[in-house]
C-alpha atoms as a PDB file:
ATOM      1  CA  GLN A   1     -14.892 -54.298   7.355  1.00  0.00           C
ATOM      2  CA  SER A   2     -17.795 -52.033   8.549  1.00  0.00           C
ATOM      3  CA  TRP A   3     -20.561 -50.623   6.170  1.00  0.00           C
ATOM      4  CA  TRP A   4     -20.139 -46.915   5.432  1.00  0.00           C
ATOM      5  CA  ALA A   5     -16.176 -47.497   4.777  1.00  0.00           C
ATOM      6  CA  ARG A   6     -16.652 -49.862   2.775  1.00  0.00           C
ATOM      7  CA  LYS A   7     -19.385 -47.572   0.938  1.00  0.00           C
ATOM      8  CA  GLN A   8     -16.986 -44.292   0.943  1.00  0.00           C
ATOM      9  CA  GLY A   9     -14.317 -46.330  -0.713  1.00  0.00           C
ATOM     10  CA  LYS A  10     -11.947 -45.715   2.911  1.00  0.00           C
ATOM     11  CA  GLU A  11      -9.930 -48.246   5.004  1.00  0.00           C
ATOM     12  CA  ASP A  12     -12.013 -50.209   7.330  1.00  0.00           C
ATOM     13  CA  PRO A  13     -11.465 -47.792  10.472  1.00  0.00           C
ATOM     14  CA  ASN A  14     -11.437 -51.338  12.504  1.00  0.00           C
ATOM     15  CA  SER A  15      -8.053 -52.373  10.499  1.00  0.00           C
ATOM     16  CA  LYS A  16      -4.920 -51.629  12.026  1.00  0.00           C
ATOM     17  CA  ILE A  17      -2.957 -48.492  10.941  1.00  0.00           C
ATOM     18  CA  GLY A  18      -1.061 -48.506   8.230  1.00  0.00           C
ATOM     19  CA  SER A  19      -1.971 -51.924   7.168  1.00  0.00           C
ATOM     20  CA  LYS A  20      -3.577 -50.532   3.157  1.00  0.00           C
ATOM     21  CA  ILE A  21       0.089 -48.993   2.961  1.00  0.00           C
ATOM     22  CA  TYR A  22       1.898 -52.024   4.125  1.00  0.00           C
ATOM     23  CA  LYS A  23       0.141 -54.805   1.082  1.00  0.00           C
ATOM     24  CA  LYS A  24       0.309 -52.148  -0.757  1.00  0.00           C
ATOM     25  CA  ASN A  25       4.576 -52.027  -0.351  1.00  0.00           C
ATOM     26  CA  GLU A  26       4.846 -55.290   1.202  1.00  0.00           C
ATOM     27  CA  GLU A  27       8.210 -56.411  -0.863  1.00  0.00           C
ATOM     28  CA  PHE A  28       9.765 -52.170   0.222  1.00  0.00           C
ATOM     29  CA  PHE A  29       8.864 -52.898   4.271  1.00  0.00           C
ATOM     30  CA  LYS A  30       9.889 -56.006   5.017  1.00  0.00           C
ATOM     31  CA  ASN A  31      13.725 -53.752   3.470  1.00  0.00           C
ATOM     32  CA  ALA A  32      13.261 -51.114   4.298  1.00  0.00           C
ATOM     33  CA  GLU A  33      15.541 -48.778   6.814  1.00  0.00           C
ATOM     34  CA  MET A  34      13.656 -47.168   9.845  1.00  0.00           C
ATOM     35  CA  ARG A  35      14.543 -43.871  11.260  1.00  0.00           C
ATOM     36  CA  ILE A  36      12.646 -43.048  14.055  1.00  0.00           C
ATOM     37  CA  LEU A  37      12.319 -38.325  13.323  1.00  0.00           C
ATOM     38  CA  HIS A  38       9.849 -37.297  15.922  1.00  0.00           C
ATOM     39  CA  ASP A  39       8.950 -38.799  19.143  1.00  0.00           C
ATOM     40  CA  ASN A  40       7.384 -37.866  22.279  1.00  0.00           C
ATOM     41  CA  ALA A  41       3.845 -36.859  23.732  1.00  0.00           C
ATOM     42  CA  SER A  42       2.450 -35.617  20.759  1.00  0.00           C
ATOM     43  CA  PHE A  43       3.059 -36.876  17.570  1.00  0.00           C
ATOM     44  CA  THR A  44       5.637 -39.890  16.315  1.00  0.00           C
ATOM     45  CA  VAL A  45       6.794 -39.572  12.924  1.00  0.00           C
ATOM     46  CA  LEU A  46       8.840 -42.570  11.055  1.00  0.00           C
ATOM     47  CA  GLN A  47      10.533 -42.676   8.375  1.00  0.00           C
ATOM     48  CA  TYR A  48      10.891 -46.301   6.155  1.00  0.00           C
ATOM     49  CA  SER A  49      14.023 -45.641   3.076  1.00  0.00           C
ATOM     50  CA  ASP A  50      15.260 -48.343   0.932  1.00  0.00           C
ATOM     51  CA  LYS A  51      18.760 -48.006   1.179  1.00  0.00           C
ATOM     52  CA  LYS A  52      19.445 -46.104  -1.669  1.00  0.00           C
ATOM     53  CA  LEU A  53      17.321 -43.620   0.155  1.00  0.00           C
ATOM     54  CA  GLU A  54      14.812 -43.837  -3.204  1.00  0.00           C
ATOM     55  CA  LYS A  55      12.167 -44.621  -2.121  1.00  0.00           C
ATOM     56  CA  ASN A  56      10.727 -42.843   1.810  1.00  0.00           C
ATOM     57  CA  ILE A  57       7.243 -43.548   3.077  1.00  0.00           C
ATOM     58  CA  ILE A  58       6.973 -41.643   6.393  1.00  0.00           C
ATOM     59  CA  HIS A  59       4.099 -42.201   9.543  1.00  0.00           C
ATOM     60  CA  ILE A  60       3.126 -39.020  11.650  1.00  0.00           C
ATOM     61  CA  PHE A  61       1.009 -40.489  14.334  1.00  0.00           C
ATOM     62  CA  ALA A  62      -0.867 -37.535  15.762  1.00  0.00           C
ATOM     63  CA  LYS A  63      -1.843 -38.399  19.423  1.00  0.00           C
ATOM     64  CA  SER A  64      -2.592 -35.489  21.994  1.00  0.00           C
ATOM     65  CA  ILE A  65      -2.246 -32.289  19.280  1.00  0.00           C
ATOM     66  CA  PHE A  66      -3.215 -28.438  20.140  1.00  0.00           C
ATOM     67  CA  GLN A  67      -2.287 -27.523  16.321  1.00  0.00           C
ATOM     68  CA  HIS A  68      -2.935 -28.278  13.406  1.00  0.00           C
ATOM     69  CA  LYS A  69      -0.092 -27.825  11.156  1.00  0.00           C
ATOM     70  CA  LEU A  70       2.745 -30.025  10.962  1.00  0.00           C
ATOM     71  CA  THR A  71       6.591 -29.461   9.909  1.00  0.00           C
ATOM     72  CA  VAL A  72       8.439 -33.076   8.638  1.00  0.00           C
ATOM     73  CA  TYR A  73      11.616 -32.754   7.764  1.00  0.00           C
ATOM     74  CA  PRO A  74      12.919 -36.464   6.564  1.00  0.00           C
ATOM     75  CA  TYR A  75      16.361 -37.459   5.823  1.00  0.00           C
ATOM     76  CA  VAL A  76      17.339 -38.208   1.995  1.00  0.00           C
ATOM     77  CA  LEU A  77      19.613 -36.944   0.062  1.00  0.00           C
ATOM     78  CA  GLU A  78      20.804 -33.205  -0.849  1.00  0.00           C
ATOM     79  CA  ASN A  79      21.384 -33.482  -4.085  1.00  0.00           C
ATOM     80  CA  GLU A  80      18.839 -34.993  -5.056  1.00  0.00           C
ATOM     81  CA  ASN A  81      15.134 -34.293  -6.302  1.00  0.00           C
ATOM     82  CA  TYR A  82      11.891 -35.979  -5.173  1.00  0.00           C
ATOM     83  CA  ARG A  83       8.228 -36.408  -5.240  1.00  0.00           C
ATOM     84  CA  CYS A  84       6.296 -35.833  -2.332  1.00  0.00           C
ATOM     85  CA  GLY A  85       2.395 -35.277  -3.190  1.00  0.00           C
ATOM     86  CA  GLU A  86       2.300 -33.537  -5.312  1.00  0.00           C
ATOM     87  CA  LYS A  87       5.376 -30.947  -4.870  1.00  0.00           C
ATOM     88  CA  VAL A  88       8.957 -31.462  -6.505  1.00  0.00           C
ATOM     89  CA  LEU A  89      11.636 -30.719  -4.100  1.00  0.00           C
ATOM     90  CA  SER A  90      15.319 -30.385  -3.678  1.00  0.00           C
ATOM     91  CA  GLY A  91      16.349 -32.934  -1.372  1.00  0.00           C
ATOM     92  CA  ALA A  92      18.272 -29.556   0.030  1.00  0.00           C
ATOM     93  CA  GLU A  93      14.608 -27.939   0.195  1.00  0.00           C
ATOM     94  CA  LEU A  94      13.190 -31.301   2.471  1.00  0.00           C
ATOM     95  CA  ARG A  95      16.303 -31.092   4.556  1.00  0.00           C
ATOM     96  CA  LYS A  96      15.853 -27.126   5.577  1.00  0.00           C
ATOM     97  CA  ASN A  97      12.673 -26.421   4.666  1.00  0.00           C
ATOM     98  CA  GLY A  98      10.821 -29.958   5.588  1.00  0.00           C
ATOM     99  CA  ILE A  99       7.415 -31.313   4.677  1.00  0.00           C
ATOM    100  CA  GLU A 100       4.168 -29.306   6.257  1.00  0.00           C
ATOM    101  CA  THR A 101       0.820 -31.771   6.330  1.00  0.00           C
ATOM    102  CA  GLU A 102      -2.299 -30.589   8.475  1.00  0.00           C
ATOM    103  CA  VAL A 103      -2.912 -32.960  11.223  1.00  0.00           C
ATOM    104  CA  ARG A 104      -5.353 -33.605  13.895  1.00  0.00           C
ATOM    105  CA  GLU A 105      -5.477 -35.458  17.109  1.00  0.00           C
ATOM    106  CA  ASN A 106      -5.788 -39.236  16.956  1.00  0.00           C
ATOM    107  CA  ARG A 107      -4.922 -39.888  13.142  1.00  0.00           C
ATOM    108  CA  SER A 108      -2.701 -41.221  11.004  1.00  0.00           C
ATOM    109  CA  TYR A 109      -1.036 -40.056   8.114  1.00  0.00           C
ATOM    110  CA  THR A 110       1.866 -41.172   5.292  1.00  0.00           C
ATOM    111  CA  ILE A 111       3.205 -39.610   2.890  1.00  0.00           C
ATOM    112  CA  GLU A 112       5.269 -40.654   0.325  1.00  0.00           C
ATOM    113  CA  CYS A 113       8.961 -38.910  -1.298  1.00  0.00           C
ATOM    114  CA  LYS A 114      10.421 -40.925  -3.895  1.00  0.00           C
ATOM    115  CA  LYS A 115      13.067 -40.037  -6.124  1.00  0.00           C
ATOM    116  CA  ILE A 116      12.819 -38.359  -9.336  1.00  0.00           C
END
């Protein structure tokens, strides 16, 4: 791990993208279903979910981009409520309005949505 990352308490920039999230949720990822929500020259967005859509981890990989915000529309159950970060939203709201997040070029982001 780089000295800077260790001092800042950050993930090692030389490690594989998402390895910290994977280690924390290893059992989940072994059994998760994966959906490609979006894939083009600018972004790749993947959603990993358990079979009941109770836990959803969304990975955003920003490539060559010109925008600073992205709205992601996860596949969730419309009649359930989810906690996505600090927000609590209904499945219907998530499917209709999505989750807006700030993005920067050549970075990856993770959003976790859990059924409550």
